[in-house]
Protein backbone atom coordinates (compact mmCIF):
# COMPACT_ATOMS: atom_id res chain seq x y z
CA MET A 1 -100.84 -71.06 -68.10
CA GLY A 2 -103.46 -73.88 -68.15
CA GLY A 3 -106.00 -72.32 -70.52
CA LEU A 4 -107.12 -69.71 -68.16
CA PRO A 5 -110.21 -67.95 -69.63
CA ASN A 6 -109.92 -64.78 -67.54
CA PHE A 7 -106.15 -64.40 -67.24
CA SER A 8 -106.20 -61.56 -69.82
CA LYS A 9 -108.37 -59.56 -67.23
CA LEU A 10 -105.68 -59.98 -64.52
CA LEU A 11 -102.92 -58.93 -67.00
CA ARG A 12 -104.93 -55.79 -67.86
CA LYS A 13 -105.49 -55.04 -64.34
CA ILE A 14 -101.77 -55.15 -63.50
CA GLU A 15 -100.27 -53.83 -66.78
CA ARG A 16 -102.04 -50.59 -67.90
CA GLU A 17 -99.24 -48.75 -69.79
CA ASN A 18 -98.31 -51.40 -72.53
CA ASP A 19 -100.32 -53.22 -75.10
CA ILE A 20 -101.32 -56.78 -74.36
CA TYR A 21 -102.01 -59.44 -77.09
CA ARG A 22 -103.32 -62.94 -76.80
CA VAL A 23 -101.19 -65.04 -79.27
CA GLY A 24 -102.37 -68.56 -78.16
CA SER A 25 -104.93 -70.30 -75.99
CA ASP A 26 -102.83 -69.75 -72.95
CA GLU A 27 -100.11 -67.41 -74.34
CA PHE A 28 -100.03 -63.64 -74.10
CA ALA A 29 -97.65 -61.08 -75.33
CA ILE A 30 -96.83 -57.73 -73.88
CA ALA A 31 -95.16 -55.07 -76.18
CA LEU A 32 -93.00 -52.98 -73.84
CA THR A 33 -92.47 -49.33 -74.90
CA GLN A 34 -91.93 -47.60 -71.49
CA VAL A 35 -89.56 -50.06 -69.70
CA SER A 36 -85.91 -49.22 -69.12
CA ASP A 37 -84.92 -52.39 -67.15
CA ILE A 38 -86.70 -55.44 -68.66
CA LYS A 39 -85.28 -57.83 -66.12
CA LYS A 40 -86.57 -55.90 -63.15
CA TYR A 41 -89.96 -55.38 -65.00
CA THR A 42 -90.40 -59.13 -65.74
CA LYS A 43 -89.49 -60.10 -62.21
CA ASN A 44 -92.01 -57.72 -60.60
CA LEU A 45 -94.68 -58.76 -63.17
CA TYR A 46 -94.18 -62.47 -62.09
CA ILE A 47 -94.49 -61.54 -58.48
CA LYS A 48 -97.62 -59.43 -59.01
CA LEU A 49 -99.36 -62.16 -61.05
CA ILE A 50 -98.50 -64.87 -58.58
CA ASP A 51 -99.29 -62.87 -55.46
CA ASN A 52 -102.52 -61.34 -56.78
CA ARG A 53 -104.53 -64.07 -55.03
CA ILE A 54 -107.72 -62.08 -54.24
CA PHE A 55 -108.17 -61.15 -57.87
CA LEU A 56 -107.44 -64.64 -59.03
CA LYS A 57 -110.12 -65.98 -56.71
CA GLU A 58 -112.52 -63.38 -58.04
CA LEU A 59 -111.89 -64.63 -61.61
CA GLU A 60 -112.43 -68.23 -60.46
CA ILE A 61 -108.81 -69.13 -61.46
CA ALA A 62 -107.37 -72.22 -59.75
CA ILE A 63 -104.41 -70.74 -57.73
CA GLU A 64 -102.82 -74.11 -57.12
CA GLY A 65 -102.89 -74.95 -60.78
CA LEU A 66 -101.38 -71.66 -61.97
CA ASP A 67 -98.18 -72.54 -63.89
CA LEU A 68 -96.74 -69.18 -64.96
CA LYS A 69 -93.64 -68.93 -67.25
CA ILE A 70 -92.38 -65.82 -68.90
CA GLY A 71 -90.00 -65.57 -71.86
CA MET A 72 -88.59 -62.22 -72.75
CA ALA A 73 -86.63 -60.72 -75.64
CA MET A 74 -85.42 -57.12 -76.55
CA ASN A 75 -83.36 -55.31 -79.06
CA MET A 76 -83.81 -58.13 -81.59
CA ASP A 77 -84.31 -57.90 -85.40
CA ASN A 78 -87.49 -59.93 -85.18
CA LEU A 79 -88.73 -59.23 -81.76
CA PHE A 80 -91.99 -61.45 -81.95
CA GLN A 81 -90.05 -64.44 -83.25
CA SER A 82 -87.36 -63.95 -80.63
CA ALA A 83 -89.99 -63.68 -77.86
CA THR A 84 -91.72 -66.91 -79.06
CA PHE A 85 -88.36 -68.61 -79.00
CA ALA A 86 -87.81 -67.41 -75.44
CA LEU A 87 -91.22 -68.67 -74.39
CA LYS A 88 -90.61 -72.19 -75.90
CA GLU A 89 -87.11 -72.23 -74.22
CA VAL A 90 -88.42 -71.34 -70.81
CA LYS A 91 -90.97 -74.20 -71.01
CA ARG A 92 -88.30 -76.61 -72.31
CA ARG A 93 -85.97 -75.65 -69.34
CA ASN A 94 -88.91 -75.67 -67.00
CA GLU A 95 -87.90 -72.41 -65.48
CA LYS A 96 -90.03 -69.43 -64.45
CA ILE A 97 -88.29 -66.67 -66.35
CA TYR A 98 -85.91 -66.78 -69.28
CA LYS A 99 -84.37 -64.06 -71.45
CA ALA A 100 -83.39 -64.69 -75.00
CA THR A 101 -80.01 -63.26 -76.13
CA LYS A 102 -78.86 -62.57 -79.59
CA LYS A 103 -76.36 -65.40 -79.13
CA ASP A 104 -79.30 -67.82 -78.34
CA ILE A 105 -81.10 -66.65 -81.33
CA THR A 106 -78.06 -67.04 -83.56
CA ARG A 107 -77.46 -70.49 -82.20
CA LYS A 108 -81.08 -71.47 -82.84
CA ASN A 109 -80.96 -70.15 -86.39
CA GLU A 110 -77.70 -71.95 -87.14
CA ALA A 111 -79.28 -75.20 -85.89
CA ILE A 112 -82.24 -74.79 -88.05
CA LYS A 113 -80.00 -74.26 -91.05
CA GLN A 114 -77.93 -77.26 -90.15
CA ALA A 115 -81.07 -79.44 -89.91
CA MET A 116 -82.29 -78.16 -93.22
CA ASN A 117 -78.91 -78.97 -94.77
CA TRP A 118 -78.92 -82.56 -93.30
CA SER A 119 -82.42 -83.10 -94.55
CA LYS A 120 -81.30 -82.30 -98.10
CA ILE A 121 -78.29 -84.51 -97.79
CA ILE A 122 -80.24 -87.44 -96.46
CA ARG A 123 -82.97 -87.00 -99.18
CA LYS A 124 -80.20 -87.03 -101.90
CA ALA A 125 -78.42 -89.87 -100.18
CA LEU A 126 -81.65 -91.94 -100.34
CA GLU A 127 -82.04 -91.09 -104.01
CA GLU A 128 -78.50 -92.18 -104.80
CA ASP A 129 -78.46 -95.21 -102.43
CA LYS A 130 -75.61 -93.90 -100.20
CA PHE A 131 -76.50 -95.64 -96.92
CA GLU A 132 -74.23 -98.57 -96.34
CA PRO A 133 -74.10 -101.36 -93.79
CA PHE A 134 -70.90 -101.80 -91.73
CA TYR A 135 -70.29 -104.90 -89.61
CA GLN A 136 -68.91 -105.17 -86.03
CA PRO A 137 -68.07 -108.78 -84.82
CA ILE A 138 -69.66 -110.09 -81.58
CA VAL A 139 -67.25 -112.63 -80.12
CA ASP A 140 -67.18 -115.26 -77.35
CA GLU A 141 -64.60 -115.27 -74.64
CA TYR A 142 -62.05 -116.95 -76.94
CA GLY A 143 -62.41 -114.15 -79.48
CA ARG A 144 -64.39 -116.42 -81.92
CA VAL A 145 -66.92 -114.40 -84.04
CA ILE A 146 -70.55 -115.49 -83.25
CA LYS A 147 -72.18 -112.93 -85.44
CA TYR A 148 -71.90 -109.35 -86.65
CA GLU A 149 -73.98 -106.32 -85.70
CA VAL A 150 -75.09 -104.18 -88.63
CA LEU A 151 -74.18 -100.65 -88.21
CA MET A 152 -75.30 -97.76 -90.44
CA ARG A 153 -72.88 -95.42 -92.36
CA LEU A 154 -73.62 -92.61 -94.73
CA ASN A 155 -71.17 -92.43 -97.77
CA TYR A 156 -70.91 -88.75 -98.28
CA LYS A 157 -68.23 -87.09 -100.36
CA ASN A 158 -66.06 -90.17 -100.23
CA ARG A 159 -66.05 -90.38 -96.36
CA TYR A 160 -68.36 -92.35 -94.06
CA ILE A 161 -70.53 -90.35 -91.66
CA LEU A 162 -71.81 -91.80 -88.33
CA PRO A 163 -75.59 -91.93 -87.78
CA SER A 164 -75.17 -89.75 -84.60
CA SER A 165 -74.67 -86.79 -86.94
CA PHE A 166 -78.03 -87.14 -88.78
CA LEU A 167 -80.27 -89.71 -87.23
CA LYS A 168 -82.32 -87.35 -84.92
CA ILE A 169 -82.97 -85.12 -87.88
CA ALA A 170 -83.92 -88.04 -90.07
CA LYS A 171 -86.48 -89.20 -87.46
CA LYS A 172 -87.95 -85.70 -87.14
CA ASN A 173 -88.32 -85.44 -90.98
CA LEU A 174 -89.79 -88.89 -91.33
CA GLN A 175 -86.78 -90.15 -93.42
CA TYR A 176 -85.74 -92.75 -90.91
CA ILE A 177 -88.00 -95.55 -92.06
CA SER A 178 -86.66 -95.19 -95.67
CA ILE A 179 -83.13 -95.32 -94.32
CA SER A 180 -83.82 -98.61 -92.39
CA LYS A 181 -85.31 -100.13 -95.46
CA SER A 182 -82.44 -99.21 -97.59
CA LEU A 183 -79.89 -100.46 -95.07
CA PHE A 184 -81.85 -103.78 -94.49
CA LEU A 185 -81.90 -104.58 -98.28
CA LYS A 186 -78.10 -104.33 -98.30
CA ILE A 187 -77.33 -106.80 -95.47
CA ASN A 188 -75.09 -109.69 -96.48
CA LYS A 189 -77.38 -112.75 -96.29
CA ASN A 190 -74.37 -115.25 -96.00
CA ILE A 191 -73.33 -114.35 -92.46
CA SER A 192 -75.01 -114.32 -89.09
CA VAL A 193 -76.07 -110.75 -88.21
CA SER A 194 -77.88 -108.60 -85.78
CA PHE A 195 -79.82 -105.81 -87.08
CA ASN A 196 -81.21 -102.79 -85.03
CA ILE A 197 -84.76 -101.77 -85.07
CA SER A 198 -86.26 -98.95 -83.18
CA LEU A 199 -89.82 -98.50 -81.89
CA LEU A 200 -90.34 -96.11 -84.95
CA ASP A 201 -89.85 -99.25 -87.06
CA ILE A 202 -92.16 -101.54 -85.11
CA GLU A 203 -94.83 -98.79 -84.78
CA ASN A 204 -94.76 -98.27 -88.53
CA GLU A 205 -97.19 -100.82 -90.12
CA GLU A 206 -95.44 -100.54 -93.50
CA MET A 207 -92.07 -101.24 -91.90
CA ARG A 208 -93.39 -104.22 -89.91
CA THR A 209 -94.85 -105.77 -93.23
CA PHE A 210 -91.49 -105.05 -94.99
CA LEU A 211 -89.43 -106.75 -92.35
CA LEU A 212 -91.68 -109.83 -92.09
CA ASN A 213 -91.77 -110.27 -95.81
CA LYS A 214 -87.98 -110.03 -96.25
CA ILE A 215 -87.22 -112.21 -93.10
CA LYS A 216 -89.42 -115.06 -94.60
CA ASN A 217 -86.81 -115.42 -97.40
CA LEU A 218 -83.71 -115.58 -95.14
CA LYS A 219 -81.50 -118.63 -95.28
CA THR A 220 -82.35 -121.00 -92.47
CA ASN A 221 -78.84 -121.93 -91.85
CA VAL A 222 -77.86 -118.31 -91.06
CA ALA A 223 -78.82 -116.94 -87.62
CA PHE A 224 -80.59 -113.58 -87.67
CA THR A 225 -81.16 -111.42 -84.60
CA LEU A 226 -83.22 -108.18 -84.29
CA GLU A 227 -82.07 -105.76 -81.70
CA ILE A 228 -84.79 -103.58 -80.11
CA LEU A 229 -83.72 -100.26 -78.41
CA GLU A 230 -84.68 -100.75 -74.79
CA SER A 231 -84.04 -96.98 -74.05
CA GLU A 232 -87.19 -96.00 -76.02
CA ARG A 233 -90.70 -96.04 -74.44
CA VAL A 234 -93.25 -98.58 -75.69
CA LYS A 235 -96.58 -97.00 -76.65
CA ASP A 236 -98.45 -100.28 -77.56
CA PHE A 237 -96.78 -103.16 -75.76
CA ASN A 238 -99.29 -105.80 -77.03
CA MET A 239 -98.56 -104.83 -80.64
CA VAL A 240 -94.81 -105.03 -80.04
CA LYS A 241 -95.21 -108.46 -78.38
CA SER A 242 -97.53 -109.73 -81.27
CA PHE A 243 -94.80 -108.58 -83.81
CA ILE A 244 -92.00 -110.31 -81.87
CA ASP A 245 -94.00 -113.58 -81.73
CA LYS A 246 -94.37 -113.45 -85.57
CA LEU A 247 -90.63 -112.83 -85.94
CA ARG A 248 -89.82 -115.85 -83.68
CA SER A 249 -92.02 -118.04 -85.90
CA TYR A 250 -89.51 -117.35 -88.69
CA GLY A 251 -86.53 -118.39 -86.43
CA VAL A 252 -85.51 -114.77 -85.53
CA LYS A 253 -83.84 -114.09 -82.12
CA ILE A 254 -84.61 -111.04 -80.23
CA ALA A 255 -82.10 -108.87 -78.33
CA ILE A 256 -82.88 -105.99 -76.18
CA ASP A 257 -80.29 -103.25 -76.87
CA ASP A 258 -79.00 -100.51 -74.41
CA PHE A 259 -80.20 -102.39 -71.37
CA GLY A 260 -79.39 -100.60 -68.17
CA SER A 261 -80.08 -97.06 -69.39
CA GLY A 262 -83.13 -94.89 -69.61
CA TYR A 263 -86.30 -96.92 -68.92
CA SER A 264 -84.91 -100.22 -67.92
CA ASN A 265 -87.65 -102.47 -66.89
CA PHE A 266 -86.91 -106.06 -65.72
CA SER A 267 -90.56 -107.16 -65.63
CA ARG A 268 -90.87 -105.98 -69.24
CA VAL A 269 -87.90 -107.95 -70.31
CA ILE A 270 -89.54 -111.14 -68.68
CA GLU A 271 -92.74 -110.49 -70.67
CA LEU A 272 -90.81 -110.04 -74.01
CA ALA A 273 -88.63 -113.04 -73.12
CA PRO A 274 -85.60 -111.92 -75.49
CA GLU A 275 -82.80 -114.42 -76.02
CA ILE A 276 -80.13 -111.68 -75.54
CA LEU A 277 -79.66 -108.54 -73.42
CA LYS A 278 -76.97 -106.10 -74.55
CA ILE A 279 -75.76 -104.08 -71.69
CA ASP A 280 -75.67 -100.31 -72.38
CA GLY A 281 -72.20 -98.94 -73.19
CA SER A 282 -72.38 -96.25 -70.51
CA LEU A 283 -72.21 -99.02 -67.97
CA ILE A 284 -69.28 -100.92 -69.74
CA ARG A 285 -66.92 -98.27 -70.89
CA ASP A 286 -66.13 -97.17 -67.30
CA ILE A 287 -66.48 -100.52 -65.57
CA ASN A 288 -62.74 -100.70 -64.92
CA ILE A 289 -62.77 -97.43 -62.84
CA ASP A 290 -66.34 -97.38 -61.41
CA SER A 291 -67.12 -100.07 -58.77
CA ASN A 292 -70.80 -99.07 -58.83
CA LYS A 293 -71.12 -99.92 -62.51
CA GLN A 294 -69.52 -103.22 -61.85
CA LYS A 295 -72.30 -103.91 -59.32
CA ILE A 296 -74.99 -102.89 -61.73
CA VAL A 297 -73.55 -105.11 -64.47
CA LYS A 298 -73.24 -108.02 -62.02
CA SER A 299 -76.83 -107.73 -61.06
CA ILE A 300 -77.90 -107.58 -64.69
CA VAL A 301 -75.93 -110.78 -65.37
CA LEU A 302 -77.39 -112.63 -62.40
CA PHE A 303 -80.83 -111.65 -63.48
CA ALA A 304 -80.20 -112.90 -67.03
CA LYS A 305 -78.83 -116.23 -65.80
CA GLU A 306 -81.95 -116.78 -63.74
CA VAL A 307 -84.22 -116.30 -66.78
CA ASN A 308 -82.00 -117.97 -69.21
CA ILE A 309 -81.02 -114.92 -71.21
CA GLN A 310 -77.61 -114.40 -72.80
CA ILE A 311 -75.57 -111.25 -72.08
CA VAL A 312 -73.56 -109.18 -74.59
CA ALA A 313 -71.27 -106.44 -73.36
CA GLU A 314 -70.85 -103.55 -75.77
CA TYR A 315 -67.95 -100.94 -75.84
CA VAL A 316 -65.37 -103.36 -74.66
CA GLU A 317 -62.49 -101.10 -75.52
CA ASN A 318 -59.52 -102.74 -73.80
CA GLU A 319 -58.20 -105.97 -72.20
CA GLN A 320 -59.01 -104.71 -68.61
CA ILE A 321 -62.64 -104.09 -69.48
CA PHE A 322 -62.85 -107.55 -71.12
CA ASN A 323 -61.46 -109.34 -68.10
CA ILE A 324 -63.77 -107.73 -65.79
CA CYS A 325 -66.73 -108.48 -67.92
CA LYS A 326 -65.53 -112.07 -68.26
CA SER A 327 -65.26 -112.39 -64.43
CA LEU A 328 -68.78 -111.14 -64.05
CA GLY A 329 -70.21 -113.90 -66.30
CA VAL A 330 -70.78 -112.02 -69.53
CA ASP A 331 -71.36 -114.33 -72.43
CA TYR A 332 -70.31 -112.31 -75.47
CA TYR A 333 -68.43 -109.14 -76.13
CA GLN A 334 -68.31 -106.28 -78.76
CA GLY A 335 -65.98 -103.32 -79.04
CA PHE A 336 -62.75 -101.80 -80.47
CA TYR A 337 -60.68 -104.27 -78.31
CA PHE A 338 -61.72 -106.91 -80.78
CA SER A 339 -62.61 -104.93 -84.03
CA LYS A 340 -63.92 -101.65 -85.33
CA PRO A 341 -66.88 -101.79 -87.66
CA LYS A 342 -65.85 -102.78 -91.27
CA SER A 343 -67.32 -102.98 -94.68
CA ILE A 344 -68.23 -106.50 -95.96
CA GLN A 345 -65.37 -106.34 -98.38
CA LYS A 346 -62.79 -105.89 -95.58
CA ILE A 347 -64.36 -108.77 -93.60
CA ILE A 348 -64.26 -111.08 -96.62
CA ASN A 349 -60.69 -110.17 -97.41
CA SER A 350 -59.44 -110.47 -93.74
């Protein structure tokens, strides 16, 4: 509620029958004991608070800056915890009023348990060195392999788990950098590869030092590309630019990954001057049925040609998508139409 110093006075003026507690700098709790219809009560409370303009002015509260949100819970085992969850949820949803149900709380508790379980699995996997690189070929228009993108897999109970299952949790728990290091150390150094790094990698000084030290020792006859996720915001662009310049001094090529989604910025691309743009899969996978996506990809390709950047289309799943991308001037292709990601053993034996 914007850190309003006198807001509690307004609450006490309106609410006289139930106890009021300040639980944060701009958060208040009302313990209801005399209310039969909580939805009706909450709606009326909201209206009274917003409409009480004369009293707001008397308390020198900025009416235009009043951002009021109410989270409510009732008939829960842990009422305060449930109300706190409701308040966080109403802020996340950017709504005015939100009522937490037992189903919501159960779902939240299950998500917490799942996150804790994954955190343990990740920690054990790091201890036992269970993160492995898989390789998906990037090919030219004739199907010739140019290089391989390194993709992460977790070897868990004799099956390989995709990073979509655990990566968000790993980032929240600060386990991601350790996973990236583990994966990088296992890359086959005898083939040309493209390795993904996120802004978490670049923003971490320890990881930057690690990458630069390892890249110094790569074979000069093997091409190495670092793919930077374009869909993540850059906090310190100058630092990123400086790091990229150092990488280039060791012969590393730079690719911008997932271009065309999220925070796509053509001027930023020009500043970074990558050798490669990888078009986001959301634009490619439906390009055969969505003419608007064809137009977007065409504009990206034209832009890339103008500034001498090569284009890679990901998620090329079938021949029709491949032919459309080819007709638009895409340089290289990656997807199940050519090959699924494979272990290095399968690549060597194929």
